[in-house]
């Protein structure tokens, strides 16, 4: 019986508090017709039934409004409606084109692209599947009516009545949702996706081959269906539950990032700064910039001055990325460029040298850049240069790169020049210990690794190294190395370079998770982390640039890691070592 007692309704709200506030918020795009933004009740009722909070998004093309809306939702539902203007696809209109909806086109295409950059879970229905495809590089056929052997895709039966079948691909996410090879669906369309593009793949087809569902090829919660599950009641509910569950997981990931300092311990992006690329712009040529860090809710990154190692018979001038007097001058040029960026955008970016400065920048709403050197070649043959770079604020030096140098032998292109760490290299390590600089053995040969472990009076780190047990390449660490590193209090950070994740086939974020979990099994949770190697050929589907780092957190949550463990992985372990190393500084 309906109650008209307002206090009784309010009491039911407070009796379930705070549970009522833990539901994920799902934005639903509204239709537009005759001056009204409208929405069929079936959409929001299915979201409600699936455990979400429905919020209607009007078709507004103002990017500021779109961004602010996306920052407040956890999932996105793209609804059905009229045809797209074919000019968005670079085509002239077919005679079979129906009424376009110009009021919706640009707002929804912008919304999808911006939601994609922010890793927001998405479900597209009918027009919605076409919106996702168009926005992400796919193609929509203006009319499928002329296709020979076509089944009827615009039914005359009631909307709640399934009228044809779709075949679901066995390994797809859609198959995991329904656990079925064939579904009975309703159908109200004359357009269809005919090319999902590279970021999406077809996960279901009608018997005539028409694309009926698409989903992400990059382990992202993105799906589109050509039918209308909002009209199918319980039979359609699994898709809305999937969206709501993914939105709930995304909301948790956002919450973790809000409370946790997220630090990527290695990227090579600065090598592009002397070319005039601007960190403060969203630039497709680099994988780490201010906008991508913001989209991925990343707080901090260690940017290194990477110095390529000359091969035998070569000089620095033969490999130098820019003409400088020598390796030291090149490293200084890179640090000058980073400092220029920080000065220019001090409201949003700050250079940090200590854990306390990292946390202070996070509280102030600034991203942090820490400085490192990849390849001790930068020291040249002068021990005083260690102090020089310490004064510049570097936090670690990777002792070598690919090829032996004056400090130690490399894991790759090694001629066993020094038999491990050289006598000069031993002095370098002692000086780094004295100055509070972390010793990084990524790229170091196995003998160099054990020598450094014995020489260093403070724990050593491997800023971007994977597990040899899973991918047998010289750059990866054996289980014995991992154990020895952990015994001395050090850390090894999983990297996203595909060649260190998988020997054959295409690597993905799931391979990175596998390497991380193997390292945890061998070393324990207190000795692991993430060093992406972005812009040094790092980046894999599912975690391809800084905007996707929250996807890594989402996978950790999916694997049921605790918030405390995730905090350790995201930099807590590294900062423990940094504090210890810096506390031993003797100047």
Protein backbone atom coordinates (compact mmCIF):
# COMPACT_ATOMS: atom_id res chain seq x y z
CA UNK A 1 0.00 0.00 0.00
CA UNK A 2 1.33 3.43 -0.94
CA UNK A 3 2.32 5.59 2.02
CA UNK A 4 1.88 9.33 1.87
CA UNK A 5 3.79 9.89 5.11
CA UNK A 6 7.00 11.75 4.18
CA UNK A 7 8.64 11.11 7.56
CA UNK A 8 8.18 7.37 7.10
CA UNK A 9 9.95 7.52 3.74
CA UNK A 10 12.79 9.53 5.25
CA UNK A 11 13.15 7.03 8.06
CA UNK A 12 13.67 4.24 5.54
CA UNK A 13 16.46 6.30 3.96
CA UNK A 14 18.29 6.83 7.24
CA UNK A 15 17.82 3.24 8.37
CA UNK A 16 19.93 2.11 5.39
CA UNK A 17 22.50 4.91 5.71
CA UNK A 18 25.39 4.87 4.80
CA UNK A 19 24.69 1.89 2.51
CA UNK A 20 22.44 4.09 0.38
CA UNK A 21 25.44 6.31 -0.46
CA UNK A 22 27.64 3.49 -1.76
CA UNK A 23 25.86 2.89 -5.04
CA UNK A 24 27.73 3.78 -8.25
CA UNK A 25 26.44 6.75 -10.22
CA UNK A 26 25.54 5.98 -13.84
CA UNK A 27 25.18 8.86 -16.29
CA UNK A 28 22.54 8.23 -18.99
CA UNK A 29 22.51 10.25 -22.21
CA UNK A 30 19.15 11.84 -22.96
CA UNK A 31 17.37 11.90 -26.30
CA UNK A 32 16.45 15.22 -27.89
CA UNK A 33 13.28 15.95 -29.89
CA UNK A 34 10.98 18.94 -30.39
CA UNK A 35 12.93 21.09 -27.96
CA UNK A 36 12.83 18.54 -25.15
CA UNK A 37 15.57 16.39 -23.66
CA UNK A 38 13.82 13.12 -22.80
CA UNK A 39 14.56 9.62 -21.55
CA UNK A 40 12.48 6.45 -21.62
CA UNK A 41 11.91 5.12 -18.15
CA UNK A 42 13.17 1.65 -19.08
CA UNK A 43 16.77 2.85 -19.07
CA UNK A 44 16.84 4.31 -15.59
CA UNK A 45 14.65 1.57 -14.14
CA UNK A 46 17.13 -1.08 -15.33
CA UNK A 47 20.00 0.89 -13.80
CA UNK A 48 18.04 1.14 -10.57
CA UNK A 49 17.31 -2.58 -10.63
CA UNK A 50 21.01 -3.30 -11.22
CA UNK A 51 21.99 -1.34 -8.10
CA UNK A 52 23.09 1.93 -9.66
CA UNK A 53 22.08 5.55 -9.25
CA UNK A 54 20.78 6.90 -12.59
CA UNK A 55 21.61 10.49 -13.57
CA UNK A 56 20.40 12.00 -16.84
CA UNK A 57 22.97 13.77 -19.02
CA UNK A 58 21.47 16.37 -21.38
CA UNK A 59 22.99 16.82 -24.87
CA UNK A 60 25.27 19.79 -24.19
CA UNK A 61 28.45 20.22 -26.24
CA UNK A 62 30.22 22.46 -23.72
CA UNK A 63 33.42 20.56 -22.87
CA UNK A 64 33.63 22.15 -19.42
CA UNK A 65 30.18 20.81 -18.59
CA UNK A 66 31.03 17.38 -20.03
CA UNK A 67 34.28 17.12 -18.07
CA UNK A 68 32.60 18.16 -14.82
CA UNK A 69 29.81 15.67 -15.44
CA UNK A 70 32.27 12.84 -16.11
CA UNK A 71 34.18 13.66 -12.94
CA UNK A 72 30.99 12.96 -10.97
CA UNK A 73 29.87 9.67 -12.50
CA UNK A 74 31.22 6.13 -12.23
CA UNK A 75 29.71 4.67 -15.40
CA UNK A 76 28.13 5.84 -18.65
CA UNK A 77 25.06 4.50 -20.48
CA UNK A 78 24.64 5.66 -24.09
CA UNK A 79 21.05 5.34 -25.22
CA UNK A 80 19.26 4.70 -28.51
CA UNK A 81 17.90 7.27 -30.92
CA UNK A 82 18.16 8.72 -34.42
CA UNK A 83 20.84 8.41 -37.08
CA UNK A 84 24.23 10.09 -36.99
CA UNK A 85 25.10 12.74 -39.52
CA UNK A 86 27.34 10.76 -41.92
CA UNK A 87 29.71 13.70 -42.19
CA UNK A 88 31.13 12.59 -38.83
CA UNK A 89 32.29 9.51 -40.73
CA UNK A 90 33.54 11.56 -43.66
CA UNK A 91 30.70 10.37 -45.92
CA UNK A 92 27.90 11.93 -47.96
CA UNK A 93 24.32 10.95 -46.98
CA UNK A 94 22.83 7.76 -48.40
CA UNK A 95 19.26 7.97 -49.82
CA UNK A 96 18.32 5.51 -47.09
CA UNK A 97 19.50 7.80 -44.28
CA UNK A 98 16.77 8.63 -41.74
CA UNK A 99 16.48 11.74 -39.58
CA UNK A 100 19.76 12.77 -37.99
CA UNK A 101 19.96 14.22 -34.49
CA UNK A 102 22.45 17.05 -34.69
CA UNK A 103 21.67 18.14 -31.13
CA UNK A 104 23.05 14.86 -29.81
CA UNK A 105 25.90 14.05 -32.19
CA UNK A 106 28.75 16.27 -31.02
CA UNK A 107 27.93 16.15 -27.27
CA UNK A 108 27.84 12.35 -27.26
CA UNK A 109 30.95 11.89 -29.39
CA UNK A 110 32.85 14.26 -27.11
CA UNK A 111 31.44 12.52 -24.04
CA UNK A 112 32.60 9.09 -25.22
CA UNK A 113 36.08 10.26 -26.15
CA UNK A 114 36.56 12.07 -22.84
CA UNK A 115 35.06 9.17 -20.87
CA UNK A 116 37.42 6.81 -22.69
CA UNK A 117 40.41 8.96 -21.69
CA UNK A 118 39.20 8.79 -18.08
CA UNK A 119 38.69 4.99 -18.16
CA UNK A 120 34.98 5.30 -17.28
CA UNK A 121 32.99 2.07 -17.87
CA UNK A 122 30.58 2.40 -20.81
CA UNK A 123 27.61 0.54 -22.22
CA UNK A 124 26.10 1.65 -25.53
CA UNK A 125 22.64 0.57 -26.74
CA UNK A 126 21.52 0.78 -30.40
CA UNK A 127 22.60 4.32 -31.34
CA UNK A 128 24.89 4.02 -28.31
CA UNK A 129 26.95 1.20 -29.86
CA UNK A 130 27.34 3.39 -32.95
CA UNK A 131 28.38 6.35 -30.79
CA UNK A 132 31.15 4.30 -29.18
CA UNK A 133 32.36 2.99 -32.53
CA UNK A 134 32.37 6.41 -34.21
CA UNK A 135 34.09 8.12 -31.28
CA UNK A 136 36.82 5.49 -31.00
CA UNK A 137 37.79 5.09 -34.64
CA UNK A 138 35.26 2.60 -35.99
CA UNK A 139 32.75 2.94 -38.83
CA UNK A 140 28.96 2.80 -39.00
CA UNK A 141 27.11 1.74 -42.14
CA UNK A 142 24.38 4.26 -42.99
CA UNK A 143 21.88 1.57 -44.01
CA UNK A 144 22.03 -2.22 -44.03
CA UNK A 145 18.84 -2.72 -46.03
CA UNK A 146 20.51 -3.51 -49.34
CA UNK A 147 22.53 -6.43 -47.95
CA UNK A 148 21.54 -9.76 -49.61
CA UNK A 149 20.14 -12.36 -47.23
CA UNK A 150 19.52 -9.83 -44.50
CA UNK A 151 17.14 -10.77 -41.71
CA UNK A 152 14.57 -8.27 -40.45
CA UNK A 153 16.31 -5.86 -38.06
CA UNK A 154 13.44 -3.47 -37.44
CA UNK A 155 10.69 -5.54 -35.86
CA UNK A 156 6.97 -4.80 -35.87
CA UNK A 157 6.41 -6.88 -32.73
CA UNK A 158 6.19 -5.38 -29.24
CA UNK A 159 9.46 -3.96 -27.94
CA UNK A 160 9.54 -6.55 -25.19
CA UNK A 161 9.41 -9.42 -27.69
CA UNK A 162 12.70 -11.03 -28.90
CA UNK A 163 12.49 -11.59 -32.66
CA UNK A 164 15.90 -12.89 -33.74
CA UNK A 165 19.05 -14.51 -32.36
CA UNK A 166 22.65 -13.40 -32.04
CA UNK A 167 25.70 -15.63 -31.86
CA UNK A 168 28.08 -14.75 -29.04
CA UNK A 169 31.82 -15.28 -29.39
CA UNK A 170 33.01 -17.80 -26.77
CA UNK A 171 35.99 -15.89 -25.31
CA UNK A 172 34.20 -12.55 -25.10
CA UNK A 173 33.19 -10.56 -22.03
CA UNK A 174 29.63 -10.73 -23.34
CA UNK A 175 29.81 -14.52 -23.20
CA UNK A 176 31.02 -14.36 -19.60
CA UNK A 177 28.05 -12.15 -18.72
CA UNK A 178 25.40 -14.48 -20.14
CA UNK A 179 27.32 -17.77 -20.20
CA UNK A 180 25.57 -18.53 -23.48
CA UNK A 181 26.55 -19.01 -27.13
CA UNK A 182 23.25 -17.65 -28.42
CA UNK A 183 20.90 -14.91 -27.22
CA UNK A 184 17.33 -13.99 -28.21
CA UNK A 185 17.08 -10.26 -28.77
CA UNK A 186 14.76 -7.52 -29.98
CA UNK A 187 15.73 -5.31 -32.90
CA UNK A 188 14.93 -1.73 -33.98
CA UNK A 189 17.59 -0.39 -36.35
CA UNK A 190 18.60 0.08 -39.95
CA UNK A 191 22.20 1.14 -39.28
CA UNK A 192 24.97 -0.96 -37.80
CA UNK A 193 28.65 -0.93 -36.96
CA UNK A 194 30.58 -2.58 -39.78
CA UNK A 195 34.10 -1.85 -38.54
CA UNK A 196 34.70 -1.56 -34.78
CA UNK A 197 38.21 -0.16 -35.26
CA UNK A 198 41.40 -1.20 -33.46
CA UNK A 199 40.27 -0.43 -29.91
CA UNK A 200 37.11 -2.55 -30.19
CA UNK A 201 36.17 -5.94 -31.56
CA UNK A 202 32.97 -7.68 -32.53
CA UNK A 203 31.69 -9.97 -29.78
CA UNK A 204 28.34 -11.03 -31.29
CA UNK A 205 26.71 -11.19 -34.72
CA UNK A 206 23.27 -11.87 -36.13
CA UNK A 207 22.85 -14.91 -38.37
CA UNK A 208 23.27 -12.65 -41.41
CA UNK A 209 26.64 -11.38 -40.11
CA UNK A 210 25.43 -8.01 -38.86
CA UNK A 211 27.51 -6.80 -35.91
CA UNK A 212 25.31 -7.03 -32.81
CA UNK A 213 27.86 -6.36 -30.03
CA UNK A 214 31.30 -4.85 -29.62
CA UNK A 215 33.69 -4.68 -26.70
CA UNK A 216 37.17 -3.43 -25.83
CA UNK A 217 40.31 -5.11 -27.13
CA UNK A 218 42.27 -3.42 -24.33
CA UNK A 219 40.80 -5.03 -21.20
CA UNK A 220 38.59 -2.01 -20.61
CA UNK A 221 34.95 -2.07 -19.45
CA UNK A 222 33.49 -0.86 -22.74
CA UNK A 223 30.63 -2.63 -24.49
CA UNK A 224 27.98 -1.83 -27.06
CA UNK A 225 24.94 -3.85 -28.15
CA UNK A 226 22.70 -3.25 -31.15
CA UNK A 227 19.56 -4.57 -29.48
CA UNK A 228 17.54 -2.97 -26.66
CA UNK A 229 18.09 -4.83 -23.35
CA UNK A 230 16.21 -2.11 -21.45
CA UNK A 231 12.97 -3.57 -22.87
CA UNK A 232 13.81 -7.19 -22.07
CA UNK A 233 13.30 -7.06 -18.29
CA UNK A 234 15.18 -9.79 -16.42
CA UNK A 235 16.67 -11.09 -19.69
CA UNK A 236 18.26 -7.70 -20.34
CA UNK A 237 19.31 -6.99 -16.76
CA UNK A 238 22.71 -8.79 -16.86
CA UNK A 239 24.14 -6.07 -19.11
CA UNK A 240 23.07 -3.35 -16.69
CA UNK A 241 24.45 -5.36 -13.78
CA UNK A 242 27.75 -5.66 -15.66
CA UNK A 243 27.88 -1.88 -16.16
CA UNK A 244 26.95 -1.19 -12.55
CA UNK A 245 29.49 -3.70 -11.20
CA UNK A 246 32.24 -2.19 -13.34
CA UNK A 247 31.20 1.30 -12.23
CA UNK A 248 31.33 0.18 -8.60
CA UNK A 249 34.87 -1.14 -9.14
CA UNK A 250 35.88 2.09 -10.88
CA UNK A 251 34.48 4.13 -8.00
CA UNK A 252 36.60 2.08 -5.59
CA UNK A 253 39.68 2.64 -7.75
CA UNK A 254 39.05 6.39 -7.75
CA UNK A 255 38.69 6.32 -3.99
CA UNK A 256 41.97 4.42 -3.62
CA UNK A 257 43.76 6.97 -5.79
CA UNK A 258 42.27 9.84 -3.79
CA UNK A 259 43.72 8.41 -0.58
CA UNK A 260 46.95 6.89 -1.93
CA UNK A 261 50.08 8.43 -3.37
CA UNK A 262 50.49 6.86 -6.81
CA UNK A 263 54.10 6.88 -8.03
CA UNK A 264 55.46 5.52 -11.31
CA UNK A 265 59.17 5.06 -10.66
CA UNK A 266 60.47 5.20 -14.23
CA UNK A 267 59.59 6.97 -17.47
CA UNK A 268 61.74 8.23 -20.34
CA UNK A 269 59.50 11.09 -21.44
CA UNK A 270 62.11 13.85 -20.91
CA UNK A 271 64.06 12.72 -23.96
CA UNK A 272 61.31 14.40 -26.00
CA UNK A 273 61.36 17.74 -24.17
CA UNK A 274 64.33 19.20 -26.10
CA UNK A 275 62.28 18.57 -29.26
CA UNK A 276 59.73 21.16 -28.20
CA UNK A 277 57.05 18.80 -26.91
CA UNK A 278 55.09 20.40 -24.08
CA UNK A 279 54.32 18.40 -20.96
CA UNK A 280 51.37 20.61 -20.02
CA UNK A 281 49.47 19.73 -23.23
CA UNK A 282 47.73 16.45 -24.05
CA UNK A 283 50.14 15.30 -26.73
CA UNK A 284 49.61 12.00 -28.61
CA UNK A 285 53.36 11.78 -29.24
CA UNK A 286 54.19 11.12 -25.59
CA UNK A 287 52.70 8.73 -23.03
CA UNK A 288 53.16 10.91 -19.96
CA UNK A 289 51.87 14.46 -19.79
CA UNK A 290 49.90 16.58 -17.35
CA UNK A 291 46.52 15.73 -18.87
CA UNK A 292 47.18 11.99 -19.02
CA UNK A 293 48.40 11.97 -15.42
CA UNK A 294 45.20 13.78 -14.45
CA UNK A 295 42.98 11.39 -16.41
CA UNK A 296 44.72 8.39 -14.84
CA UNK A 297 44.64 10.00 -11.38
CA UNK A 298 48.41 9.60 -11.10
CA UNK A 299 50.22 11.72 -8.52
CA UNK A 300 53.91 11.35 -9.29
CA UNK A 301 56.48 10.05 -11.74
CA UNK A 302 60.24 9.69 -11.76
CA UNK A 303 61.48 11.19 -15.02
CA UNK A 304 64.95 10.09 -16.00
CA UNK A 305 67.68 11.52 -18.12
CA UNK A 306 68.22 8.50 -20.35
CA UNK A 307 71.67 8.19 -21.92
CA UNK A 308 72.18 5.57 -24.64
CA UNK A 309 75.35 3.54 -24.22
CA UNK A 310 77.81 3.75 -27.14
CA UNK A 311 78.69 0.39 -28.65
CA UNK A 312 82.26 -0.77 -28.93
CA UNK A 313 84.15 1.59 -31.22
CA UNK A 314 81.59 4.37 -30.85
CA UNK A 315 81.90 7.67 -29.01
CA UNK A 316 79.26 9.67 -27.17
CA UNK A 317 78.88 11.96 -30.17
CA UNK A 318 77.84 8.93 -32.26
CA UNK A 319 74.79 8.17 -30.05
CA UNK A 320 74.01 11.51 -28.39
CA UNK A 321 70.31 12.43 -28.91
CA UNK A 322 71.34 16.11 -29.03
CA UNK A 323 74.72 17.65 -29.60
CA UNK A 324 76.17 18.30 -26.16
CA UNK A 325 79.70 18.41 -24.82
CA UNK A 326 79.26 15.05 -23.19
CA UNK A 327 76.95 12.77 -21.17
CA UNK A 328 76.99 15.03 -18.10
CA UNK A 329 75.99 18.06 -20.17
CA UNK A 330 73.17 16.10 -21.79
CA UNK A 331 71.79 15.00 -18.40
CA UNK A 332 71.95 18.61 -17.24
CA UNK A 333 70.05 19.71 -20.37
CA UNK A 334 67.27 17.24 -19.55
CA UNK A 335 67.03 18.44 -15.95
CA UNK A 336 67.01 22.06 -17.13
CA UNK A 337 64.01 21.27 -19.35
CA UNK A 338 62.15 19.56 -16.49
CA UNK A 339 62.82 22.49 -14.16
CA UNK A 340 61.55 24.89 -16.84
CA UNK A 341 58.31 22.90 -17.02
CA UNK A 342 57.89 23.00 -13.24
CA UNK A 343 58.51 26.74 -13.09
CA UNK A 344 56.11 27.44 -15.95
CA UNK A 345 53.31 25.32 -14.48
CA UNK A 346 54.05 25.60 -10.76
CA UNK A 347 50.33 25.67 -9.96
CA UNK A 348 49.95 22.13 -11.28
CA UNK A 349 53.44 20.58 -11.16
CA UNK A 350 56.21 20.49 -8.58
CA UNK A 351 59.59 18.80 -8.48
CA UNK A 352 59.93 16.58 -5.42
CA UNK A 353 63.15 15.26 -3.91
CA UNK A 354 61.77 13.52 -0.80
CA UNK A 355 58.71 11.50 0.22
CA UNK A 356 57.49 14.42 2.33
CA UNK A 357 57.57 16.71 -0.70
CA UNK A 358 55.57 14.15 -2.70
CA UNK A 359 52.84 14.10 -0.08
CA UNK A 360 52.88 17.89 0.25
CA UNK A 361 52.35 18.26 -3.51
CA UNK A 362 49.46 15.78 -3.42
CA UNK A 363 47.77 17.73 -0.63
CA UNK A 364 48.22 20.91 -2.67
CA UNK A 365 46.70 19.32 -5.77
CA UNK A 366 49.98 19.31 -7.71
CA UNK A 367 51.55 16.49 -9.71
CA UNK A 368 55.10 15.61 -8.73
CA UNK A 369 58.14 14.93 -10.87
CA UNK A 370 61.16 13.24 -9.34
CA UNK A 371 64.52 13.19 -11.14
CA UNK A 372 66.67 10.19 -11.98
CA UNK A 373 69.53 9.19 -14.25
CA UNK A 374 69.33 6.11 -16.46
CA UNK A 375 72.92 5.12 -17.15
CA UNK A 376 75.79 6.16 -14.89
CA UNK A 377 77.59 7.16 -18.07
CA UNK A 378 76.40 10.65 -17.06
CA UNK A 379 79.00 10.66 -14.27
CA UNK A 380 81.67 10.31 -16.95
CA UNK A 381 84.88 9.38 -15.10
CA UNK A 382 84.60 11.95 -12.35
CA UNK A 383 83.39 11.01 -8.89
CA UNK A 384 82.64 14.67 -8.17
CA UNK A 385 79.78 14.48 -10.68
CA UNK A 386 77.83 12.27 -8.26
CA UNK A 387 77.72 15.23 -5.89
CA UNK A 388 76.86 17.53 -8.78
CA UNK A 389 73.76 15.48 -9.64
CA UNK A 390 72.87 15.08 -5.97
CA UNK A 391 72.73 18.88 -5.77
CA UNK A 392 70.41 18.84 -8.78
CA UNK A 393 68.07 16.69 -6.73
CA UNK A 394 68.20 13.27 -8.40
CA UNK A 395 66.82 10.39 -6.35
CA UNK A 396 68.45 7.45 -8.13
CA UNK A 397 71.04 6.47 -10.73
CA UNK A 398 70.55 3.38 -12.88
CA UNK A 399 74.17 2.25 -12.93
CA UNK A 400 74.22 1.18 -16.58
CA UNK A 401 72.03 0.71 -19.63
CA UNK A 402 72.34 -1.69 -22.58
CA UNK A 403 76.08 -2.21 -22.74
CA UNK A 404 78.92 -2.11 -20.22
CA UNK A 405 80.10 1.26 -18.95
CA UNK A 406 82.80 2.51 -16.60
CA UNK A 407 80.75 1.53 -13.53
CA UNK A 408 79.52 -2.00 -14.20
CA UNK A 409 78.57 -4.63 -16.76
CA UNK A 410 75.15 -4.73 -18.34
CA UNK A 411 72.58 -7.49 -18.65
CA UNK A 412 72.56 -6.89 -22.42
CA UNK A 413 75.34 -6.33 -24.96
CA UNK A 414 77.88 -7.21 -22.29
CA UNK A 415 81.50 -8.12 -23.00
CA UNK A 416 82.16 -8.79 -19.31
CA UNK A 417 84.27 -5.64 -19.36
CA UNK A 418 84.53 -5.19 -15.60
CA UNK A 419 83.66 -8.64 -14.28
CA UNK A 420 80.67 -7.07 -12.53
CA UNK A 421 81.07 -3.74 -10.71
CA UNK A 422 84.39 -2.02 -11.49
CA UNK A 423 86.68 -0.51 -8.83
CA UNK A 424 85.48 2.93 -9.98
CA UNK A 425 81.88 1.65 -9.78
CA UNK A 426 82.46 0.62 -6.17
CA UNK A 427 83.52 4.18 -5.37
CA UNK A 428 80.44 5.49 -7.19
CA UNK A 429 78.14 3.29 -5.08
CA UNK A 430 79.83 4.39 -1.84
CA UNK A 431 79.45 8.03 -2.93
CA UNK A 432 75.78 7.48 -3.76
CA UNK A 433 75.31 5.96 -0.30
CA UNK A 434 77.00 8.98 1.28
CA UNK A 435 74.83 11.42 -0.66
CA UNK A 436 71.52 9.60 -0.14
CA UNK A 437 71.03 8.54 -3.79
CA UNK A 438 69.33 5.22 -4.46
CA UNK A 439 71.36 2.60 -6.38
CA UNK A 440 69.27 1.24 -9.26
CA UNK A 441 70.29 -2.11 -10.80
CA UNK A 442 67.72 -2.35 -13.58
CA UNK A 443 69.78 -3.10 -16.71
CA UNK A 444 72.65 -4.44 -14.58
CA UNK A 445 74.13 -7.87 -15.30
CA UNK A 446 73.69 -10.61 -12.73
CA UNK A 447 77.27 -10.32 -11.41
CA UNK A 448 76.88 -6.53 -11.25
CA UNK A 449 73.64 -7.01 -9.33
CA UNK A 450 75.20 -9.19 -6.64
CA UNK A 451 78.33 -7.02 -6.43
CA UNK A 452 76.22 -3.90 -5.90
CA UNK A 453 74.12 -5.69 -3.31
CA UNK A 454 77.31 -6.51 -1.36
CA UNK A 455 78.90 -3.08 -1.82
CA UNK A 456 75.94 -0.83 -1.01
CA UNK A 457 75.37 0.03 2.63
CA UNK A 458 71.73 0.88 1.87
CA UNK A 459 69.01 -1.14 0.08
CA UNK A 460 69.16 -1.13 -3.70
CA UNK A 461 66.25 -0.83 -6.11
CA UNK A 462 65.31 -2.12 -9.54
CA UNK A 463 63.13 0.68 -10.89
CA UNK A 464 61.79 -1.24 -13.91
CA UNK A 465 62.54 -4.97 -13.97
CA UNK A 466 60.43 -8.11 -14.43
CA UNK A 467 60.63 -11.78 -13.55
CA UNK A 468 62.86 -14.17 -15.50
CA UNK A 469 60.75 -17.13 -14.39
CA UNK A 470 57.88 -15.78 -16.53
CA UNK A 471 59.87 -14.26 -19.40
CA UNK A 472 63.39 -15.59 -19.86
CA UNK A 473 65.34 -12.59 -21.13
CA UNK A 474 68.65 -11.25 -19.77
CA UNK A 475 67.06 -8.03 -18.46
CA UNK A 476 64.70 -9.83 -16.09
CA UNK A 477 65.53 -10.93 -12.55
CA UNK A 478 65.85 -14.53 -11.43
CA UNK A 479 63.97 -15.72 -8.38
CA UNK A 480 67.29 -15.90 -6.51
CA UNK A 481 67.96 -12.26 -7.35
CA UNK A 482 64.50 -11.29 -6.14
CA UNK A 483 65.05 -13.14 -2.85
CA UNK A 484 68.46 -11.55 -2.34
CA UNK A 485 67.05 -8.11 -3.07
CA UNK A 486 64.25 -8.58 -0.55
CA UNK A 487 66.65 -9.85 2.13
CA UNK A 488 68.57 -6.58 1.83
CA UNK A 489 65.34 -4.54 2.05
CA UNK A 490 65.20 -3.51 -1.60
CA UNK A 491 62.38 -3.33 -4.13
CA UNK A 492 61.80 -4.49 -7.72
CA UNK A 493 59.21 -2.65 -9.78
CA UNK A 494 57.29 -4.38 -12.54
CA UNK A 495 57.69 -2.69 -15.92
CA UNK A 496 55.31 -2.53 -18.89
CA UNK A 497 57.82 -3.17 -21.65
CA UNK A 498 56.22 -5.92 -23.73
CA UNK A 499 59.49 -7.75 -24.43
CA UNK A 500 60.09 -8.19 -20.69
CA UNK A 501 56.51 -9.36 -20.03
CA UNK A 502 56.02 -12.06 -22.64
CA UNK A 503 58.46 -13.90 -24.90
CA UNK A 504 55.84 -14.59 -27.57
CA UNK A 505 52.55 -12.94 -28.54
CA UNK A 506 51.18 -9.58 -27.50
CA UNK A 507 51.53 -8.65 -23.85
CA UNK A 508 48.77 -6.89 -21.92
CA UNK A 509 48.10 -5.45 -18.51
CA UNK A 510 47.25 -8.97 -17.34
CA UNK A 511 50.84 -10.06 -18.03
CA UNK A 512 52.04 -7.16 -15.89
CA UNK A 513 49.75 -8.33 -13.09
CA UNK A 514 51.17 -11.86 -13.48
CA UNK A 515 54.77 -10.58 -13.12
CA UNK A 516 53.80 -8.48 -10.13
CA UNK A 517 52.12 -11.42 -8.44
CA UNK A 518 55.11 -13.67 -9.10
CA UNK A 519 57.39 -11.07 -7.52
CA UNK A 520 55.04 -10.91 -4.53
CA UNK A 521 55.11 -14.71 -4.22
CA UNK A 522 58.92 -14.67 -4.16
CA UNK A 523 59.67 -11.43 -2.29
CA UNK A 524 56.54 -10.55 -0.34
CA UNK A 525 54.21 -7.59 -0.69
CA UNK A 526 56.73 -5.17 0.89
CA UNK A 527 59.20 -5.29 -2.01
CA UNK A 528 57.23 -4.60 -5.21
CA UNK A 529 55.87 -1.70 -7.24
CA UNK A 530 55.41 -0.31 -10.76
CA UNK A 531 57.92 1.39 -13.06
CA UNK A 532 56.18 1.69 -16.42
CA UNK A 533 59.06 2.66 -18.75
CA UNK A 534 56.54 4.85 -20.60
CA UNK A 535 58.16 6.60 -23.57
CA UNK A 536 60.98 4.07 -23.35
CA UNK A 537 58.87 1.54 -25.28
CA UNK A 538 56.83 0.68 -22.19
CA UNK A 539 53.04 0.45 -22.40
CA UNK A 540 50.69 -2.43 -23.18
CA UNK A 541 46.98 -2.79 -23.99
CA UNK A 542 45.08 -2.05 -20.81
CA UNK A 543 47.85 0.18 -19.47
CA UNK A 544 49.21 2.05 -22.47
CA UNK A 545 49.94 5.49 -21.01
CA UNK A 546 49.53 7.51 -17.83
CA UNK A 547 45.81 8.03 -18.42
CA UNK A 548 45.34 4.27 -18.00
CA UNK A 549 47.23 3.78 -14.74
CA UNK A 550 43.96 3.69 -12.83
CA UNK A 551 43.23 0.56 -14.89
CA UNK A 552 46.16 -1.09 -13.10
CA UNK A 553 44.50 -0.29 -9.79
CA UNK A 554 41.20 -1.64 -11.09
CA UNK A 555 42.88 -4.95 -11.90
CA UNK A 556 44.50 -5.07 -8.45
CA UNK A 557 41.07 -4.57 -6.89
CA UNK A 558 39.65 -7.23 -9.17
CA UNK A 559 42.34 -9.57 -7.83
CA UNK A 560 41.15 -8.64 -4.32
CA UNK A 561 44.25 -6.84 -3.09
CA UNK A 562 43.59 -4.78 0.01
CA UNK A 563 43.85 -1.00 0.08
CA UNK A 564 46.93 -1.35 2.28
CA UNK A 565 48.63 -3.67 -0.22
CA UNK A 566 47.76 -1.39 -3.13
CA UNK A 567 49.26 1.56 -1.28
CA UNK A 568 52.51 -0.38 -0.91
CA UNK A 569 52.52 -1.35 -4.59
CA UNK A 570 51.79 2.19 -5.72
CA UNK A 571 54.91 3.61 -4.10
CA UNK A 572 54.75 2.92 -0.39
CA UNK A 573 57.51 0.32 -0.60
CA UNK A 574 59.68 2.56 -2.78
CA UNK A 575 59.27 5.51 -0.43
CA UNK A 576 60.27 3.33 2.52
CA UNK A 577 63.56 2.58 0.76
CA UNK A 578 63.96 6.23 -0.25
CA UNK A 579 63.53 7.39 3.33
CA UNK A 580 66.09 4.87 4.53
CA UNK A 581 68.60 5.81 1.83
CA UNK A 582 68.14 9.54 2.39
CA UNK A 583 68.36 9.14 6.17
CA UNK A 584 71.87 7.70 5.73
CA UNK A 585 73.07 10.82 3.90
CA UNK A 586 76.41 12.03 5.27
CA UNK A 587 77.46 15.39 3.91
